[in-house]
């Protein structure tokens, strides 16, 4: 027990090269002040654990991008081998296209939009950097393009010399697609006239890709 002493803690943020501002180094100084002498202890946490965690996250992120991206191609090859889309649902193709297109827009906004990124930082002061990574954006964009290509197998069957049974989009799928579009449009208008909503709310209101993919 220290008598006639005070314990003061000083924290100083120091920028670290090659790291974003949210990953600044925190240096702590403990000062023990007494009537006789003043002792200081400098504690400087290591960044090795954070760097290791980021590396693992990047590796796993690109691994899932590769595996999920490869999963699109068996259906493409299967259609071309048979010159037919029989057995492949047009509803599934349309819902995939809807989900991955919205997922692409979602990731693009969090990666490239200064407005959305600023609004995210204002709402998450302790972690102002969005968690969206480049592998998320590339995966969504690649998937959306593949879905467009698969959609052309239905719309341009003659161009691909496909002999397929005609399919029509189900009423339920039409309701889902039109419903998603109907939700986003009023949200955009509401942001323009309201002060309680921001653009980040519109982006978060986009239909999530994984839900449509598993439908």
Protein backbone atom coordinates (compact mmCIF):
# COMPACT_ATOMS: atom_id res chain seq x y z
CA UNK A 1 0.00 0.00 0.00
CA UNK A 2 1.39 3.40 -1.01
CA UNK A 3 1.01 6.26 1.46
CA UNK A 4 0.78 9.86 0.34
CA UNK A 5 1.11 8.67 -3.23
CA UNK A 6 -0.92 9.08 -6.39
CA UNK A 7 -1.21 6.74 -9.36
CA UNK A 8 -1.61 8.44 -12.70
CA UNK A 9 -2.08 6.71 -16.02
CA UNK A 10 -1.23 8.50 -19.23
CA UNK A 11 -2.12 7.04 -22.62
CA UNK A 12 -0.55 8.22 -25.81
CA UNK A 13 -1.59 7.05 -29.29
CA UNK A 14 1.29 6.64 -31.67
CA UNK A 15 0.79 6.10 -35.39
CA UNK A 16 2.29 2.92 -36.79
CA UNK A 17 3.51 2.80 -40.38
CA UNK A 18 1.63 0.47 -42.75
CA UNK A 19 -1.37 0.32 -40.39
CA UNK A 20 -4.64 2.28 -40.64
CA UNK A 21 -5.38 4.92 -37.97
CA UNK A 22 -7.68 2.48 -36.18
CA UNK A 23 -4.66 0.25 -35.50
CA UNK A 24 -2.53 2.89 -33.76
CA UNK A 25 -0.12 1.81 -31.08
CA UNK A 26 -1.16 2.62 -27.53
CA UNK A 27 1.62 3.61 -25.16
CA UNK A 28 0.86 3.81 -21.46
CA UNK A 29 2.83 5.63 -18.80
CA UNK A 30 2.29 4.86 -15.12
CA UNK A 31 3.52 7.54 -12.77
CA UNK A 32 3.81 6.84 -9.06
CA UNK A 33 4.10 10.17 -7.35
CA UNK A 34 5.00 10.40 -3.70
CA UNK A 35 6.46 13.03 -1.43
CA UNK A 36 9.91 11.50 -1.75
CA UNK A 37 10.29 10.48 -5.39
CA UNK A 38 8.49 9.90 -8.67
CA UNK A 39 8.81 6.60 -10.53
CA UNK A 40 7.61 6.03 -14.07
CA UNK A 41 6.96 2.81 -15.92
CA UNK A 42 6.51 2.75 -19.69
CA UNK A 43 4.28 -0.03 -21.05
CA UNK A 44 4.15 -0.48 -24.80
CA UNK A 45 1.83 -3.28 -26.02
CA UNK A 46 3.00 -5.39 -28.90
CA UNK A 47 1.23 -5.28 -32.27
CA UNK A 48 2.28 -8.82 -33.19
CA UNK A 49 -1.01 -10.38 -32.06
CA UNK A 50 -3.08 -7.91 -34.11
CA UNK A 51 -0.89 -8.46 -37.17
CA UNK A 52 -1.20 -12.24 -36.80
CA UNK A 53 -4.99 -11.99 -36.49
CA UNK A 54 -5.22 -9.81 -39.60
CA UNK A 55 -3.07 -12.23 -41.57
CA UNK A 56 -5.27 -15.19 -40.62
CA UNK A 57 -8.38 -13.18 -41.50
CA UNK A 58 -6.98 -12.32 -44.93
CA UNK A 59 -5.99 -15.92 -45.66
CA UNK A 60 -9.39 -17.28 -44.67
CA UNK A 61 -11.15 -14.53 -46.58
CA UNK A 62 -9.39 -15.24 -49.86
CA UNK A 63 -9.76 -18.98 -49.29
CA UNK A 64 -13.54 -18.68 -49.04
CA UNK A 65 -13.51 -16.41 -52.11
CA UNK A 66 -11.73 -19.08 -54.15
CA UNK A 67 -13.88 -21.97 -52.94
CA UNK A 68 -17.22 -20.17 -53.32
CA UNK A 69 -16.21 -18.75 -56.71
CA UNK A 70 -15.29 -22.20 -58.00
CA UNK A 71 -18.69 -23.49 -56.89
CA UNK A 72 -20.38 -21.45 -59.65
CA UNK A 73 -18.64 -23.21 -62.53
CA UNK A 74 -19.98 -26.79 -62.36
CA UNK A 75 -23.46 -25.58 -63.33
CA UNK A 76 -22.05 -23.53 -66.21
CA UNK A 77 -20.11 -26.51 -67.54
CA UNK A 78 -23.08 -28.82 -66.98
CA UNK A 79 -25.36 -26.59 -69.07
CA UNK A 80 -22.89 -26.43 -71.95
CA UNK A 81 -22.21 -30.15 -71.96
CA UNK A 82 -25.92 -30.93 -72.26
CA UNK A 83 -26.81 -27.85 -74.34
CA UNK A 84 -29.74 -27.45 -71.99
CA UNK A 85 -30.88 -25.78 -68.77
CA UNK A 86 -33.26 -28.60 -67.87
CA UNK A 87 -33.03 -29.33 -64.16
CA UNK A 88 -31.73 -25.85 -63.37
CA UNK A 89 -34.38 -23.54 -61.92
CA UNK A 90 -34.83 -20.10 -63.43
CA UNK A 91 -36.05 -18.94 -60.01
CA UNK A 92 -32.78 -19.96 -58.42
CA UNK A 93 -30.83 -18.13 -61.13
CA UNK A 94 -32.87 -14.95 -60.72
CA UNK A 95 -32.68 -14.94 -56.92
CA UNK A 96 -28.93 -15.53 -57.09
CA UNK A 97 -28.58 -12.58 -59.45
CA UNK A 98 -30.65 -10.36 -57.16
CA UNK A 99 -28.71 -11.33 -54.04
CA UNK A 100 -25.22 -11.09 -55.50
CA UNK A 101 -25.93 -7.81 -57.29
CA UNK A 102 -27.14 -6.21 -54.07
CA UNK A 103 -24.18 -7.75 -52.22
CA UNK A 104 -21.83 -6.19 -54.78
CA UNK A 105 -23.39 -2.75 -54.26
CA UNK A 106 -23.23 -3.24 -50.49
CA UNK A 107 -19.52 -4.09 -50.51
CA UNK A 108 -18.69 -1.37 -53.03
CA UNK A 109 -20.31 1.29 -50.85
CA UNK A 110 -18.39 0.25 -47.75
CA UNK A 111 -15.12 0.07 -49.69
CA UNK A 112 -15.31 3.11 -51.98
CA UNK A 113 -17.99 5.54 -50.74
CA UNK A 114 -16.56 8.29 -48.49
CA UNK A 115 -20.07 9.15 -47.31
CA UNK A 116 -20.94 5.62 -46.18
CA UNK A 117 -17.51 5.07 -44.62
CA UNK A 118 -17.76 8.34 -42.68
CA UNK A 119 -21.24 7.50 -41.41
CA UNK A 120 -20.02 4.05 -40.36
CA UNK A 121 -17.10 5.58 -38.43
CA UNK A 122 -19.44 8.00 -36.65
CA UNK A 123 -21.60 5.10 -35.45
CA UNK A 124 -18.70 2.83 -34.48
CA UNK A 125 -16.21 5.03 -32.67
CA UNK A 126 -14.29 2.13 -31.15
CA UNK A 127 -13.86 0.41 -34.52
CA UNK A 128 -14.30 3.02 -37.27
CA UNK A 129 -12.91 0.88 -40.09
CA UNK A 130 -15.61 -1.13 -41.96
CA UNK A 131 -15.11 -4.89 -41.85
CA UNK A 132 -15.76 -5.31 -45.58
CA UNK A 133 -12.62 -6.53 -47.37
CA UNK A 134 -11.54 -6.69 -51.00
CA UNK A 135 -12.21 -10.43 -51.19
CA UNK A 136 -15.86 -9.76 -50.26
CA UNK A 137 -16.26 -7.30 -53.12
CA UNK A 138 -14.44 -9.45 -55.69
CA UNK A 139 -16.47 -12.53 -54.69
CA UNK A 140 -19.79 -10.68 -55.03
CA UNK A 141 -18.88 -9.04 -58.35
CA UNK A 142 -17.60 -12.30 -59.81
CA UNK A 143 -20.71 -14.15 -58.65
CA UNK A 144 -23.04 -11.52 -60.10
CA UNK A 145 -21.32 -11.74 -63.49
CA UNK A 146 -21.56 -15.54 -63.49
CA UNK A 147 -25.27 -15.29 -62.62
CA UNK A 148 -25.78 -12.91 -65.54
CA UNK A 149 -24.08 -15.46 -67.76
CA UNK A 150 -26.30 -18.24 -66.44
CA UNK A 151 -29.33 -16.04 -66.96
CA UNK A 152 -28.39 -15.69 -70.61
CA UNK A 153 -28.77 -19.48 -70.93
CA UNK A 154 -32.49 -18.95 -70.33
CA UNK A 155 -32.99 -15.69 -72.21
CA UNK A 156 -30.72 -16.45 -75.19
CA UNK A 157 -31.14 -20.21 -75.54
CA UNK A 158 -31.03 -20.01 -79.33
CA UNK A 159 -27.77 -18.10 -79.27
CA UNK A 160 -26.18 -20.87 -77.18
CA UNK A 161 -27.87 -23.58 -79.28
CA UNK A 162 -29.63 -24.89 -76.19
CA UNK A 163 -32.63 -27.19 -76.46
CA UNK A 164 -34.40 -26.59 -73.17
CA UNK A 165 -37.94 -26.82 -71.96
CA UNK A 166 -39.41 -23.33 -71.51
CA UNK A 167 -39.52 -22.08 -67.94
CA UNK A 168 -41.32 -19.14 -66.40
CA UNK A 169 -40.52 -17.28 -63.22
CA UNK A 170 -42.81 -18.29 -60.36
CA UNK A 171 -45.16 -15.80 -58.77
CA UNK A 172 -43.37 -16.11 -55.42
CA UNK A 173 -40.03 -15.18 -56.97
CA UNK A 174 -41.59 -12.20 -58.72
CA UNK A 175 -43.04 -11.05 -55.39
CA UNK A 176 -39.63 -11.33 -53.72
CA UNK A 177 -37.81 -9.44 -56.50
CA UNK A 178 -40.39 -6.70 -56.81
CA UNK A 179 -40.67 -6.47 -53.03
CA UNK A 180 -36.93 -5.90 -52.65
CA UNK A 181 -37.01 -3.21 -55.32
CA UNK A 182 -40.05 -1.70 -53.68
CA UNK A 183 -38.27 -1.43 -50.33
CA UNK A 184 -35.06 0.14 -51.64
CA UNK A 185 -36.71 2.84 -53.75
CA UNK A 186 -38.74 4.44 -50.91
CA UNK A 187 -35.68 4.19 -48.65
CA UNK A 188 -33.67 6.32 -51.10
CA UNK A 189 -36.46 8.90 -51.24
CA UNK A 190 -36.71 8.91 -47.45
CA UNK A 191 -33.00 9.69 -47.08
CA UNK A 192 -33.41 12.70 -49.36
CA UNK A 193 -36.23 14.23 -47.30
CA UNK A 194 -35.51 12.97 -43.78
CA UNK A 195 -32.79 13.83 -41.28
CA UNK A 196 -33.20 10.64 -39.25
CA UNK A 197 -31.99 8.33 -42.03
CA UNK A 198 -28.60 8.26 -43.74
CA UNK A 199 -27.20 6.53 -46.82
CA UNK A 200 -25.67 3.78 -44.71
CA UNK A 201 -29.22 2.81 -43.70
CA UNK A 202 -30.16 2.37 -47.36
CA UNK A 203 -27.08 0.25 -48.02
CA UNK A 204 -27.85 -1.97 -45.04
CA UNK A 205 -31.40 -2.33 -46.32
CA UNK A 206 -30.27 -4.03 -49.51
CA UNK A 207 -31.35 -7.70 -49.79
CA UNK A 208 -28.47 -9.78 -48.42
CA UNK A 209 -26.76 -12.08 -50.91
CA UNK A 210 -26.45 -15.21 -48.74
CA UNK A 211 -30.22 -15.31 -48.12
CA UNK A 212 -31.02 -15.35 -51.82
CA UNK A 213 -28.27 -17.86 -52.56
CA UNK A 214 -29.71 -20.40 -50.12
CA UNK A 215 -33.29 -19.89 -51.21
